Amino acid sequence: MTEAPRLEAALLALTQSVQTLIEETRVTNNNLNSLVEHLYTRNDVVANDVVDIKNELYEFKEVFKQQALTADRYANAAQAQALAAQAQAESVKVQSDTAKTQADNIRLMIEMLNRKQA
């Protein structure tokens, strides 16, 4: 009969250990659930961030495209202005040559008049 109290004490100790393990398992399970929930939430945040980044990249691409078109227009305008300046320079040269020819003609006329008078 002395075995019975020892068995009963061992069974009680085993029951308490099982209860402790059950409680620790619940806590661990809750921690795992919280971690999984956090990971799902974090995954959603990352997915939203990826969408935001893709949208911003698309907007940057559109802005860069518009800037490239504007730069192209400026380049074309600058080229047109350069051609206009070149044409204007050629016109000025023609006018200068014409003025030089007129000056030579006037000089010759003056020389002829001076010879007539002499």
PDB file of N, CA and C in Angstrom:
ATOM      1  N   MET A   1       0.786  -1.189   0.000  1.00  0.00           N
ATOM      2  CA  MET A   1       0.000   0.000   0.000  1.00  0.00           C
ATOM      3  C   MET A   1       0.840   1.270   0.000  1.00  0.00           C
ATOM      4  N   THR A   2       2.046   1.174   0.343  1.00  0.00           N
ATOM      5  CA  THR A   2       2.912   2.352   0.332  1.00  0.00           C
ATOM      6  C   THR A   2       3.227   2.791  -1.093  1.00  0.00           C
ATOM      7  N   GLU A   3       3.000   1.917  -2.003  1.00  0.00           N
ATOM      8  CA  GLU A   3       3.205   2.242  -3.421  1.00  0.00           C
ATOM      9  C   GLU A   3       2.131   3.206  -3.905  1.00  0.00           C
ATOM     10  N   ALA A   4       0.943   3.070  -3.441  1.00  0.00           N
ATOM     11  CA  ALA A   4      -0.163   3.874  -3.934  1.00  0.00           C
ATOM     12  C   ALA A   4       0.070   5.369  -3.712  1.00  0.00           C
ATOM     13  N   PRO A   5       0.491   5.811  -2.513  1.00  0.00           N
ATOM     14  CA  PRO A   5       0.714   7.252  -2.346  1.00  0.00           C
ATOM     15  C   PRO A   5       1.839   7.773  -3.256  1.00  0.00           C
ATOM     16  N   ARG A   6       2.849   6.959  -3.454  1.00  0.00           N
ATOM     17  CA  ARG A   6       3.955   7.399  -4.338  1.00  0.00           C
ATOM     18  C   ARG A   6       3.479   7.500  -5.776  1.00  0.00           C
ATOM     19  N   LEU A   7       2.671   6.525  -6.191  1.00  0.00           N
ATOM     20  CA  LEU A   7       2.118   6.556  -7.548  1.00  0.00           C
ATOM     21  C   LEU A   7       1.181   7.751  -7.710  1.00  0.00           C
ATOM     22  N   GLU A   8       0.412   7.985  -6.647  1.00  0.00           N
ATOM     23  CA  GLU A   8      -0.509   9.111  -6.701  1.00  0.00           C
ATOM     24  C   GLU A   8       0.254  10.433  -6.781  1.00  0.00           C
ATOM     25  N   ALA A   9       1.343  10.569  -6.038  1.00  0.00           N
ATOM     26  CA  ALA A   9       2.169  11.779  -6.059  1.00  0.00           C
ATOM     27  C   ALA A   9       2.836  11.937  -7.432  1.00  0.00           C
ATOM     28  N   ALA A  10       3.317  10.823  -7.991  1.00  0.00           N
ATOM     29  CA  ALA A  10       3.955  10.869  -9.313  1.00  0.00           C
ATOM     30  C   ALA A  10       2.928  11.246 -10.374  1.00  0.00           C
ATOM     31  N   LEU A  11       1.714  10.683 -10.265  1.00  0.00           N
ATOM     32  CA  LEU A  11       0.650  10.994 -11.215  1.00  0.00           C
ATOM     33  C   LEU A  11       0.254  12.465 -11.102  1.00  0.00           C
ATOM     34  N   LEU A  12       0.190  12.980  -9.870  1.00  0.00           N
ATOM     35  CA  LEU A  12      -0.129  14.387  -9.656  1.00  0.00           C
ATOM     36  C   LEU A  12       0.963  15.276 -10.256  1.00  0.00           C
ATOM     37  N   ALA A  13       2.232  14.921 -10.039  1.00  0.00           N
ATOM     38  CA  ALA A  13       3.350  15.687 -10.599  1.00  0.00           C
ATOM     39  C   ALA A  13       3.310  15.639 -12.125  1.00  0.00           C
ATOM     40  N   LEU A  14       2.996  14.464 -12.670  1.00  0.00           N
ATOM     41  CA  LEU A  14       2.896  14.310 -14.127  1.00  0.00           C
ATOM     42  C   LEU A  14       1.745  15.156 -14.667  1.00  0.00           C
ATOM     43  N   THR A  15       0.615  15.181 -13.970  1.00  0.00           N
ATOM     44  CA  THR A  15      -0.541  15.973 -14.386  1.00  0.00           C
ATOM     45  C   THR A  15      -0.189  17.456 -14.381  1.00  0.00           C
ATOM     46  N   GLN A  16       0.526  17.905 -13.346  1.00  0.00           N
ATOM     47  CA  GLN A  16       0.935  19.307 -13.276  1.00  0.00           C
ATOM     48  C   GLN A  16       1.909  19.651 -14.415  1.00  0.00           C
ATOM     49  N   SER A  17       2.822  18.735 -14.709  1.00  0.00           N
ATOM     50  CA  SER A  17       3.770  18.956 -15.809  1.00  0.00           C
ATOM     51  C   SER A  17       3.037  19.048 -17.136  1.00  0.00           C
ATOM     52  N   VAL A  18       2.035  18.177 -17.330  1.00  0.00           N
ATOM     53  CA  VAL A  18       1.243  18.203 -18.560  1.00  0.00           C
ATOM     54  C   VAL A  18       0.475  19.517 -18.640  1.00  0.00           C
ATOM     55  N   GLN A  19      -0.099  19.976 -17.527  1.00  0.00           N
ATOM     56  CA  GLN A  19      -0.822  21.250 -17.504  1.00  0.00           C
ATOM     57  C   GLN A  19       0.122  22.408 -17.859  1.00  0.00           C
ATOM     58  N   THR A  20       1.331  22.382 -17.305  1.00  0.00           N
ATOM     59  CA  THR A  20       2.325  23.417 -17.617  1.00  0.00           C
ATOM     60  C   THR A  20       2.674  23.386 -19.104  1.00  0.00           C
ATOM     61  N   LEU A  21       2.886  22.183 -19.643  1.00  0.00           N
ATOM     62  CA  LEU A  21       3.197  22.039 -21.070  1.00  0.00           C
ATOM     63  C   LEU A  21       2.040  22.522 -21.936  1.00  0.00           C
ATOM     64  N   ILE A  22       0.800  22.214 -21.509  1.00  0.00           N
ATOM     65  CA  ILE A  22      -0.374  22.667 -22.266  1.00  0.00           C
ATOM     66  C   ILE A  22      -0.416  24.195 -22.279  1.00  0.00           C
ATOM     67  N   GLU A  23      -0.168  24.826 -21.138  1.00  0.00           N
ATOM     68  CA  GLU A  23      -0.180  26.293 -21.061  1.00  0.00           C
ATOM     69  C   GLU A  23       0.945  26.889 -21.907  1.00  0.00           C
ATOM     70  N   GLU A  24       2.133  26.305 -21.822  1.00  0.00           N
ATOM     71  CA  GLU A  24       3.258  26.795 -22.632  1.00  0.00           C
ATOM     72  C   GLU A  24       2.970  26.618 -24.124  1.00  0.00           C
ATOM     73  N   THR A  25       2.291  25.518 -24.464  1.00  0.00           N
ATOM     74  CA  THR A  25       1.925  25.280 -25.863  1.00  0.00           C
ATOM     75  C   THR A  25       0.936  26.341 -26.333  1.00  0.00           C
ATOM     76  N   ARG A  26      -0.035  26.693 -25.469  1.00  0.00           N
ATOM     77  CA  ARG A  26      -0.989  27.753 -25.818  1.00  0.00           C
ATOM     78  C   ARG A  26      -0.264  29.086 -26.048  1.00  0.00           C
ATOM     79  N   VAL A  27       0.642  29.431 -25.149  1.00  0.00           N
ATOM     80  CA  VAL A  27       1.394  30.684 -25.279  1.00  0.00           C
ATOM     81  C   VAL A  27       2.217  30.668 -26.569  1.00  0.00           C
ATOM     82  N   THR A  28       2.895  29.544 -26.824  1.00  0.00           N
ATOM     83  CA  THR A  28       3.699  29.414 -28.047  1.00  0.00           C
ATOM     84  C   THR A  28       2.808  29.520 -29.278  1.00  0.00           C
ATOM     85  N   ASN A  29       1.649  28.878 -29.235  1.00  0.00           N
ATOM     86  CA  ASN A  29       0.702  28.930 -30.351  1.00  0.00           C
ATOM     87  C   ASN A  29       0.223  30.366 -30.581  1.00  0.00           C
ATOM     88  N   ASN A  30      -0.092  31.074 -29.486  1.00  0.00           N
ATOM     89  CA  ASN A  30      -0.506  32.477 -29.608  1.00  0.00           C
ATOM     90  C   ASN A  30       0.619  33.334 -30.204  1.00  0.00           C
ATOM     91  N   ASN A  31       1.849  33.083 -29.738  1.00  0.00           N
ATOM     92  CA  ASN A  31       2.996  33.820 -30.285  1.00  0.00           C
ATOM     93  C   ASN A  31       3.171  33.535 -31.776  1.00  0.00           C
ATOM     94  N   LEU A  32       3.017  32.279 -32.156  1.00  0.00           N
ATOM     95  CA  LEU A  32       3.120  31.912 -33.574  1.00  0.00           C
ATOM     96  C   LEU A  32       2.011  32.579 -34.384  1.00  0.00           C
ATOM     97  N   ASN A  33       0.794  32.579 -33.844  1.00  0.00           N
ATOM     98  CA  ASN A  33      -0.316  33.238 -34.540  1.00  0.00           C
ATOM     99  C   ASN A  33      -0.048  34.734 -34.710  1.00  0.00           C
ATOM    100  N   SER A  34       0.476  35.352 -33.650  1.00  0.00           N
ATOM    101  CA  SER A  34       0.811  36.780 -33.742  1.00  0.00           C
ATOM    102  C   SER A  34       1.897  37.015 -34.790  1.00  0.00           C
ATOM    103  N   LEU A  35       2.889  36.145 -34.809  1.00  0.00           N
ATOM    104  CA  LEU A  35       3.969  36.270 -35.784  1.00  0.00           C
ATOM    105  C   LEU A  35       3.442  36.099 -37.208  1.00  0.00           C
ATOM    106  N   VAL A  36       2.590  35.102 -37.408  1.00  0.00           N
ATOM    107  CA  VAL A  36       2.005  34.878 -38.735  1.00  0.00           C
ATOM    108  C   VAL A  36       1.170  36.086 -39.150  1.00  0.00           C
ATOM    109  N   GLU A  37       0.373  36.609 -38.216  1.00  0.00           N
ATOM    110  CA  GLU A  37      -0.444  37.788 -38.523  1.00  0.00           C
ATOM    111  C   GLU A  37       0.445  38.981 -38.874  1.00  0.00           C
ATOM    112  N   HIS A  38       1.521  39.145 -38.095  1.00  0.00           N
ATOM    113  CA  HIS A  38       2.466  40.229 -38.381  1.00  0.00           C
ATOM    114  C   HIS A  38       3.092  40.047 -39.766  1.00  0.00           C
ATOM    115  N   LEU A  39       3.460  38.823 -40.099  1.00  0.00           N
ATOM    116  CA  LEU A  39       4.067  38.562 -41.412  1.00  0.00           C
ATOM    117  C   LEU A  39       3.078  38.838 -42.537  1.00  0.00           C
ATOM    118  N   TYR A  40       1.822  38.427 -42.351  1.00  0.00           N
ATOM    119  CA  TYR A  40       0.810  38.728 -43.372  1.00  0.00           C
ATOM    120  C   TYR A  40       0.626  40.243 -43.520  1.00  0.00           C
ATOM    121  N   THR A  41       0.563  40.927 -42.379  1.00  0.00           N
ATOM    122  CA  THR A  41       0.423  42.385 -42.411  1.00  0.00           C
ATOM    123  C   THR A  41       1.629  43.013 -43.092  1.00  0.00           C
ATOM    124  N   ARG A  42       2.805  42.547 -42.732  1.00  0.00           N
ATOM    125  CA  ARG A  42       4.042  43.076 -43.328  1.00  0.00           C
ATOM    126  C   ARG A  42       4.061  42.792 -44.829  1.00  0.00           C
ATOM    127  N   ASN A  43       3.612  41.613 -45.207  1.00  0.00           N
ATOM    128  CA  ASN A  43       3.558  41.252 -46.627  1.00  0.00           C
ATOM    129  C   ASN A  43       2.622  42.200 -47.375  1.00  0.00           C
ATOM    130  N   ASP A  44       1.464  42.509 -46.757  1.00  0.00           N
ATOM    131  CA  ASP A  44       0.529  43.459 -47.379  1.00  0.00           C
ATOM    132  C   ASP A  44       1.168  44.841 -47.520  1.00  0.00           C
ATOM    133  N   VAL A  45       1.884  45.262 -46.472  1.00  0.00           N
ATOM    134  CA  VAL A  45       2.551  46.568 -46.513  1.00  0.00           C
ATOM    135  C   VAL A  45       3.592  46.588 -47.628  1.00  0.00           C
ATOM    136  N   VAL A  46       4.386  45.520 -47.712  1.00  0.00           N
ATOM    137  CA  VAL A  46       5.411  45.441 -48.757  1.00  0.00           C
ATOM    138  C   VAL A  46       4.755  45.426 -50.134  1.00  0.00           C
ATOM    139  N   ALA A  47       3.674  44.665 -50.276  1.00  0.00           N
ATOM    140  CA  ALA A  47       2.971  44.615 -51.569  1.00  0.00           C
ATOM    141  C   ALA A  47       2.449  46.001 -51.940  1.00  0.00           C
ATOM    142  N   ASN A  48       1.891  46.715 -50.969  1.00  0.00           N
ATOM    143  CA  ASN A  48       1.420  48.083 -51.232  1.00  0.00           C
ATOM    144  C   ASN A  48       2.580  49.009 -51.592  1.00  0.00           C
ATOM    145  N   ASP A  49       3.708  48.836 -50.885  1.00  0.00           N
ATOM    146  CA  ASP A  49       4.891  49.643 -51.202  1.00  0.00           C
ATOM    147  C   ASP A  49       5.370  49.366 -52.622  1.00  0.00           C
ATOM    148  N   VAL A  50       5.348  48.107 -53.019  1.00  0.00           N
ATOM    149  CA  VAL A  50       5.769  47.747 -54.381  1.00  0.00           C
ATOM    150  C   VAL A  50       4.850  48.413 -55.403  1.00  0.00           C
ATOM    151  N   VAL A  51       3.552  48.381 -55.139  1.00  0.00           N
ATOM    152  CA  VAL A  51       2.595  49.030 -56.055  1.00  0.00           C
ATOM    153  C   VAL A  51       2.870  50.533 -56.112  1.00  0.00           C
ATOM    154  N   ASP A  52       3.107  51.142 -54.945  1.00  0.00           N
ATOM    155  CA  ASP A  52       3.405  52.581 -54.911  1.00  0.00           C
ATOM    156  C   ASP A  52       4.673  52.900 -55.699  1.00  0.00           C
ATOM    157  N   ILE A  53       5.699  52.077 -55.516  1.00  0.00           N
ATOM    158  CA  ILE A  53       6.965  52.299 -56.225  1.00  0.00           C
ATOM    159  C   ILE A  53       6.762  52.143 -57.724  1.00  0.00           C
ATOM    160  N   LYS A  54       6.000  51.131 -58.128  1.00  0.00           N
ATOM    161  CA  LYS A  54       5.725  50.949 -59.562  1.00  0.00           C
ATOM    162  C   LYS A  54       4.992  52.158 -60.123  1.00  0.00           C
ATOM    163  N   ASN A  55       4.012  52.671 -59.373  1.00  0.00           N
ATOM    164  CA  ASN A  55       3.270  53.862 -59.819  1.00  0.00           C
ATOM    165  C   ASN A  55       4.191  55.074 -59.941  1.00  0.00           C
ATOM    166  N   GLU A  56       5.066  55.245 -58.945  1.00  0.00           N
ATOM    167  CA  GLU A  56       5.996  56.375 -58.994  1.00  0.00           C
ATOM    168  C   GLU A  56       6.959  56.232 -60.165  1.00  0.00           C
ATOM    169  N   LEU A  57       7.440  55.009 -60.405  1.00  0.00           N
ATOM    170  CA  LEU A  57       8.335  54.791 -61.541  1.00  0.00           C
ATOM    171  C   LEU A  57       7.630  55.111 -62.852  1.00  0.00           C
ATOM    172  N   TYR A  58       6.357  54.724 -62.956  1.00  0.00           N
ATOM    173  CA  TYR A  58       5.599  55.032 -64.169  1.00  0.00           C
ATOM    174  C   TYR A  58       5.466  56.549 -64.334  1.00  0.00           C
ATOM    175  N   GLU A  59       5.179  57.236 -63.216  1.00  0.00           N
ATOM    176  CA  GLU A  59       5.057  58.697 -63.279  1.00  0.00           C
ATOM    177  C   GLU A  59       6.383  59.333 -63.689  1.00  0.00           C
ATOM    178  N   PHE A  60       7.504  58.847 -63.108  1.00  0.00           N
ATOM    179  CA  PHE A  60       8.819  59.366 -63.491  1.00  0.00           C
ATOM    180  C   PHE A  60       9.080  59.127 -64.971  1.00  0.00           C
ATOM    181  N   LYS A  61       8.699  57.933 -65.442  1.00  0.00           N
ATOM    182  CA  LYS A  61       8.901  57.605 -66.857  1.00  0.00           C
ATOM    183  C   LYS A  61       8.136  58.588 -67.732  1.00  0.00           C
ATOM    184  N   GLU A  62       6.898  58.891 -67.350  1.00  0.00           N
ATOM    185  CA  GLU A  62       6.095  59.836 -68.122  1.00  0.00           C
ATOM    186  C   GLU A  62       6.711  61.243 -68.079  1.00  0.00           C
ATOM    187  N   VAL A  63       7.176  61.644 -66.900  1.00  0.00           N
ATOM    188  CA  VAL A  63       7.801  62.966 -66.772  1.00  0.00           C
ATOM    189  C   VAL A  63       9.056  63.029 -67.638  1.00  0.00           C
ATOM    190  N   PHE A  64       9.886  61.962 -67.575  1.00  0.00           N
ATOM    191  CA  PHE A  64      11.110  61.941 -68.379  1.00  0.00           C
ATOM    192  C   PHE A  64      10.783  61.952 -69.867  1.00  0.00           C
ATOM    193  N   LYS A  65       9.703  61.263 -70.239  1.00  0.00           N
ATOM    194  CA  LYS A  65       9.298  61.254 -71.643  1.00  0.00           C
ATOM    195  C   LYS A  65       8.910  62.666 -72.078  1.00  0.00           C
ATOM    196  N   GLN A  66       8.145  63.364 -71.235  1.00  0.00           N
ATOM    197  CA  GLN A  66       7.749  64.740 -71.554  1.00  0.00           C
ATOM    198  C   GLN A  66       8.972  65.658 -71.611  1.00  0.00           C
ATOM    199  N   GLN A  67       9.913  65.446 -70.686  1.00  0.00           N
ATOM    200  CA  GLN A  67      11.123  66.266 -70.688  1.00  0.00           C
ATOM    201  C   GLN A  67      11.945  66.009 -71.946  1.00  0.00           C
ATOM    202  N   ALA A  68      11.999  64.756 -72.380  1.00  0.00           N
ATOM    203  CA  ALA A  68      12.732  64.429 -73.607  1.00  0.00           C
ATOM    204  C   ALA A  68      12.076  65.095 -74.808  1.00  0.00           C
ATOM    205  N   LEU A  69      10.741  65.078 -74.851  1.00  0.00           N
ATOM    206  CA  LEU A  69      10.038  65.747 -75.950  1.00  0.00           C
ATOM    207  C   LEU A  69      10.294  67.253 -75.930  1.00  0.00           C
ATOM    208  N   THR A  70      10.267  67.835 -74.737  1.00  0.00           N
ATOM    209  CA  THR A  70      10.538  69.268 -74.608  1.00  0.00           C
ATOM    210  C   THR A  70      11.970  69.585 -75.039  1.00  0.00           C
ATOM    211  N   ALA A  71      12.916  68.757 -74.601  1.00  0.00           N
ATOM    212  CA  ALA A  71      14.315  68.963 -74.992  1.00  0.00           C
ATOM    213  C   ALA A  71      14.471  68.843 -76.501  1.00  0.00           C
ATOM    214  N   ASP A  72      13.752  67.912 -77.099  1.00  0.00           N
ATOM    215  CA  ASP A  72      13.804  67.742 -78.553  1.00  0.00           C
ATOM    216  C   ASP A  72      13.254  68.988 -79.253  1.00  0.00           C
ATOM    217  N   ARG A  73      12.145  69.519 -78.723  1.00  0.00           N
ATOM    218  CA  ARG A  73      11.583  70.747 -79.303  1.00  0.00           C
ATOM    219  C   ARG A  73      12.569  71.908 -79.181  1.00  0.00           C
ATOM    220  N   TYR A  74      13.215  72.014 -78.011  1.00  0.00           N
ATOM    221  CA  TYR A  74      14.215  73.075 -77.830  1.00  0.00           C
ATOM    222  C   TYR A  74      15.377  72.898 -78.805  1.00  0.00           C
ATOM    223  N   ALA A  75      15.802  71.656 -78.990  1.00  0.00           N
ATOM    224  CA  ALA A  75      16.903  71.393 -79.924  1.00  0.00           C
ATOM    225  C   ALA A  75      16.499  71.783 -81.341  1.00  0.00           C
ATOM    226  N   ASN A  76      15.276  71.439 -81.725  1.00  0.00           N
ATOM    227  CA  ASN A  76      14.793  71.816 -83.061  1.00  0.00           C
ATOM    228  C   ASN A  76      14.697  73.332 -83.203  1.00  0.00           C
ATOM    229  N   ALA A  77      14.213  73.995 -82.152  1.00  0.00           N
ATOM    230  CA  ALA A  77      14.110  75.457 -82.187  1.00  0.00           C
ATOM    231  C   ALA A  77      15.502  76.083 -82.276  1.00  0.00           C
ATOM    232  N   ALA A  78      16.451  75.529 -81.526  1.00  0.00           N
ATOM    233  CA  ALA A  78      17.819  76.054 -81.564  1.00  0.00           C
ATOM    234  C   ALA A  78      18.427  75.857 -82.947  1.00  0.00           C
ATOM    235  N   GLN A  79      18.146  74.714 -83.548  1.00  0.00           N
ATOM    236  CA  GLN A  79      18.652  74.455 -84.896  1.00  0.00           C
ATOM    237  C   GLN A  79      18.036  75.445 -85.892  1.00  0.00           C
ATOM    238  N   ALA A  80      16.741  75.691 -85.757  1.00  0.00           N
ATOM    239  CA  ALA A  80      16.076  76.656 -86.639  1.00  0.00           C
ATOM    240  C   ALA A  80      16.662  78.052 -86.439  1.00  0.00           C
ATOM    241  N   GLN A  81      16.926  78.415 -85.182  1.00  0.00           N
ATOM    242  CA  GLN A  81      17.523  79.724 -84.908  1.00  0.00           C
ATOM    243  C   GLN A  81      18.931  79.809 -85.490  1.00  0.00           C
ATOM    244  N   ALA A  82      19.675  78.714 -85.410  1.00  0.00           N
ATOM    245  CA  ALA A  82      21.025  78.705 -85.980  1.00  0.00           C
ATOM    246  C   ALA A  82      20.959  78.889 -87.490  1.00  0.00           C
ATOM    247  N   LEU A  83      20.005  78.211 -88.133  1.00  0.00           N
ATOM    248  CA  LEU A  83      19.848  78.373 -89.585  1.00  0.00           C
ATOM    249  C   LEU A  83      19.440  79.803 -89.932  1.00  0.00           C
ATOM    250  N   ALA A  84      18.541  80.372 -89.128  1.00  0.00           N
ATOM    251  CA  ALA A  84      18.114  81.758 -89.360  1.00  0.00           C
ATOM    252  C   ALA A  84      19.289  82.712 -89.172  1.00  0.00           C
ATOM    253  N   ALA A  85      20.103  82.463 -88.144  1.00  0.00           N
ATOM    254  CA  ALA A  85      21.271  83.317 -87.902  1.00  0.00           C
ATOM    255  C   ALA A  85      22.265  83.196 -89.055  1.00  0.00           C
ATOM    256  N   GLN A  86      22.430  81.984 -89.563  1.00  0.00           N
ATOM    257  CA  GLN A  86      23.330  81.779 -90.699  1.00  0.00           C
ATOM    258  C   GLN A  86      22.812  82.530 -91.929  1.00  0.00           C
ATOM    259  N   ALA A  87      21.515  82.427 -92.186  1.00  0.00           N
ATOM    260  CA  ALA A  87      20.923  83.139 -93.324  1.00  0.00           C
ATOM    261  C   ALA A  87      21.073  84.647 -93.145  1.00  0.00           C
ATOM    262  N   GLN A  88      20.890  85.105 -91.921  1.00  0.00           N
ATOM    263  CA  GLN A  88      21.023  86.533 -91.639  1.00  0.00           C
ATOM    264  C   GLN A  88      22.473  86.981 -91.849  1.00  0.00           C
ATOM    265  N   ALA A  89      23.416  86.142 -91.417  1.00  0.00           N
ATOM    266  CA  ALA A  89      24.832  86.471 -91.613  1.00  0.00           C
ATOM    267  C   ALA A  89      25.162  86.547 -93.097  1.00  0.00           C
ATOM    268  N   GLU A  90      24.618  85.613 -93.868  1.00  0.00           N
ATOM    269  CA  GLU A  90      24.843  85.642 -95.316  1.00  0.00           C
ATOM    270  C   GLU A  90      24.231  86.901 -95.928  1.00  0.00           C
ATOM    271  N   SER A  91      23.069  87.290 -95.460  1.00  0.00           N
ATOM    272  CA  SER A  91      22.415  88.507 -95.944  1.00  0.00           C
ATOM    273  C   SER A  91      23.252  89.735 -95.610  1.00  0.00           C
ATOM    274  N   VAL A  92      23.794  89.771 -94.400  1.00  0.00           N
ATOM    275  CA  VAL A  92      24.644  90.892 -93.988  1.00  0.00           C
ATOM    276  C   VAL A  92      25.891  90.945 -94.866  1.00  0.00           C
ATOM    277  N   LYS A  93      26.449  89.773 -95.185  1.00  0.00           N
ATOM    278  CA  LYS A  93      27.634  89.728 -96.051  1.00  0.00           C
ATOM    279  C   LYS A  93      27.294  90.273 -97.439  1.00  0.00           C
ATOM    280  N   VAL A  94      26.138  89.868 -97.970  1.00  0.00           N
ATOM    281  CA  VAL A  94      25.714  90.370 -99.283  1.00  0.00           C
ATOM    282  C   VAL A  94      25.539  91.887 -99.222  1.00  0.00           C
ATOM    283  N   GLN A  95      24.909  92.367 -98.154  1.00  0.00           N
ATOM    284  CA  GLN A  95      24.722  93.817 -98.000  1.00  0.00           C
ATOM    285  C   GLN A  95      26.072  94.529 -97.891  1.00  0.00           C
ATOM    286  N   SER A  96      26.992  93.902 -97.162  1.00  0.00           N
ATOM    287  CA  SER A  96      28.326  94.482 -97.019  1.00  0.00           C
ATOM    288  C   SER A  96      29.037  94.535 -98.368  1.00  0.00           C
ATOM    289  N   ASP A  97      28.945  93.434 -99.122  1.00  0.00           N
ATOM    290  CA  ASP A  97      29.559  93.406-100.456  1.00  0.00           C
ATOM    291  C   ASP A  97      28.925  94.464-101.357  1.00  0.00           C
ATOM    292  N   THR A  98      27.599  94.597-101.273  1.00  0.00           N
ATOM    293  CA  THR A  98      26.888  95.599-102.073  1.00  0.00           C
ATOM    294  C   THR A  98      27.348  97.000-101.690  1.00  0.00           C
ATOM    295  N   ALA A  99      27.457  97.253-100.391  1.00  0.00           N
ATOM    296  CA  ALA A  99      27.911  98.567 -99.919  1.00  0.00           C
ATOM    297  C   ALA A  99      29.335  98.831-100.390  1.00  0.00           C
ATOM    298  N   LYS A 100      30.185  97.808-100.365  1.00  0.00           N
ATOM    299  CA  LYS A 100      31.571  97.957-100.821  1.00  0.00           C
ATOM    300  C   LYS A 100      31.593  98.286-102.314  1.00  0.00           C
ATOM    301  N   THR A 101      30.770  97.571-103.082  1.00  0.00           N
ATOM    302  CA  THR A 101      30.694  97.825-104.526  1.00  0.00           C
ATOM    303  C   THR A 101      30.200  99.245-104.781  1.00  0.00           C
ATOM    304  N   GLN A 102      29.176  99.669-104.041  1.00  0.00           N
ATOM    305  CA  GLN A 102      28.661 101.031-104.203  1.00  0.00           C
ATOM    306  C   GLN A 102      29.732 102.061-103.841  1.00  0.00           C
ATOM    307  N   ALA A 103      30.473 101.776-102.785  1.00  0.00           N
ATOM    308  CA  ALA A 103      31.543 102.700-102.381  1.00  0.00           C
ATOM    309  C   ALA A 103      32.607 102.778-103.472  1.00  0.00           C
ATOM    310  N   ASP A 104      32.953 101.611-104.047  1.00  0.00           N
ATOM    311  CA  ASP A 104      33.928 101.604-105.149  1.00  0.00           C
ATOM    312  C   ASP A 104      33.400 102.401-106.338  1.00  0.00           C
ATOM    313  N   ASN A 105      32.115 102.221-106.653  1.00  0.00           N
ATOM    314  CA  ASN A 105      31.505 102.952-107.772  1.00  0.00           C
ATOM    315  C   ASN A 105      31.530 104.457-107.523  1.00  0.00           C
ATOM    316  N   ILE A 106      31.198 104.853-106.302  1.00  0.00           N
ATOM    317  CA  ILE A 106      31.209 106.278-105.961  1.00  0.00           C
ATOM    318  C   ILE A 106      32.631 106.825-106.077  1.00  0.00           C
ATOM    319  N   ARG A 107      33.613 106.048-105.581  1.00  0.00           N
ATOM    320  CA  ARG A 107      35.008 106.479-105.661  1.00  0.00           C
ATOM    321  C   ARG A 107      35.422 106.662-107.124  1.00  0.00           C
ATOM    322  N   LEU A 108      35.031 105.693-107.988  1.00  0.00           N
ATOM    323  CA  LEU A 108      35.361 105.788-109.413  1.00  0.00           C
ATOM    324  C   LEU A 108      34.698 107.012-110.046  1.00  0.00           C
ATOM    325  N   MET A 109      33.433 107.266-109.671  1.00  0.00           N
ATOM    326  CA  MET A 109      32.721 108.425-110.220  1.00  0.00           C
ATOM    327  C   MET A 109      33.417 109.723-109.801  1.00  0.00           C
ATOM    328  N   ILE A 110      33.860 109.758-108.537  1.00  0.00           N
ATOM    329  CA  ILE A 110      34.565 110.957-108.053  1.00  0.00           C
ATOM    330  C   ILE A 110      35.871 111.133-108.821  1.00  0.00           C
ATOM    331  N   GLU A 111      36.586 110.024-109.038  1.00  0.00           N
ATOM    332  CA  GLU A 111      37.835 110.112-109.801  1.00  0.00           C
ATOM    333  C   GLU A 111      37.568 110.611-111.221  1.00  0.00           C
ATOM    334  N   MET A 112      36.498 110.092-111.847  1.00  0.00           N
ATOM    335  CA  MET A 112      36.157 110.515-113.208  1.00  0.00           C
ATOM    336  C   MET A 112      35.805 112.010-113.239  1.00  0.00           C
ATOM    337  N   LEU A 113      35.048 112.468-112.236  1.00  0.00           N
ATOM    338  CA  LEU A 113      34.698 113.885-112.172  1.00  0.00           C
ATOM    339  C   LEU A 113      35.948 114.743-111.975  1.00  0.00           C
ATOM    340  N   ASN A 114      36.828 114.253-111.120  1.00  0.00           N
ATOM    341  CA  ASN A 114      38.070 114.991-110.870  1.00  0.00           C
ATOM    342  C   ASN A 114      38.904 115.068-112.146  1.00  0.00           C
ATOM    343  N   ARG A 115      38.911 114.018-112.945  1.00  0.00           N
ATOM    344  CA  ARG A 115      39.678 114.011-114.194  1.00  0.00           C
ATOM    345  C   ARG A 115      39.041 114.963-115.204  1.00  0.00           C
ATOM    346  N   LYS A 116      37.714 114.977-115.226  1.00  0.00           N
ATOM    347  CA  LYS A 116      37.017 115.875-116.156  1.00  0.00           C
ATOM    348  C   LYS A 116      37.310 117.331-115.814  1.00  0.00           C
ATOM    349  N   GLN A 117      37.326 117.598-114.520  1.00  0.00           N
ATOM    350  CA  GLN A 117      37.535 118.976-114.089  1.00  0.00           C
ATOM    351  C   GLN A 117      38.999 119.378-114.258  1.00  0.00           C
ATOM    352  N   ALA A 118      39.872 118.432-114.262  1.00  0.00           N
ATOM    353  CA  ALA A 118      41.294 118.770-114.365  1.00  0.00           C
ATOM    354  C   ALA A 118      41.754 119.058-115.753  1.00  0.00           C
TER     355      ALA A 118
END
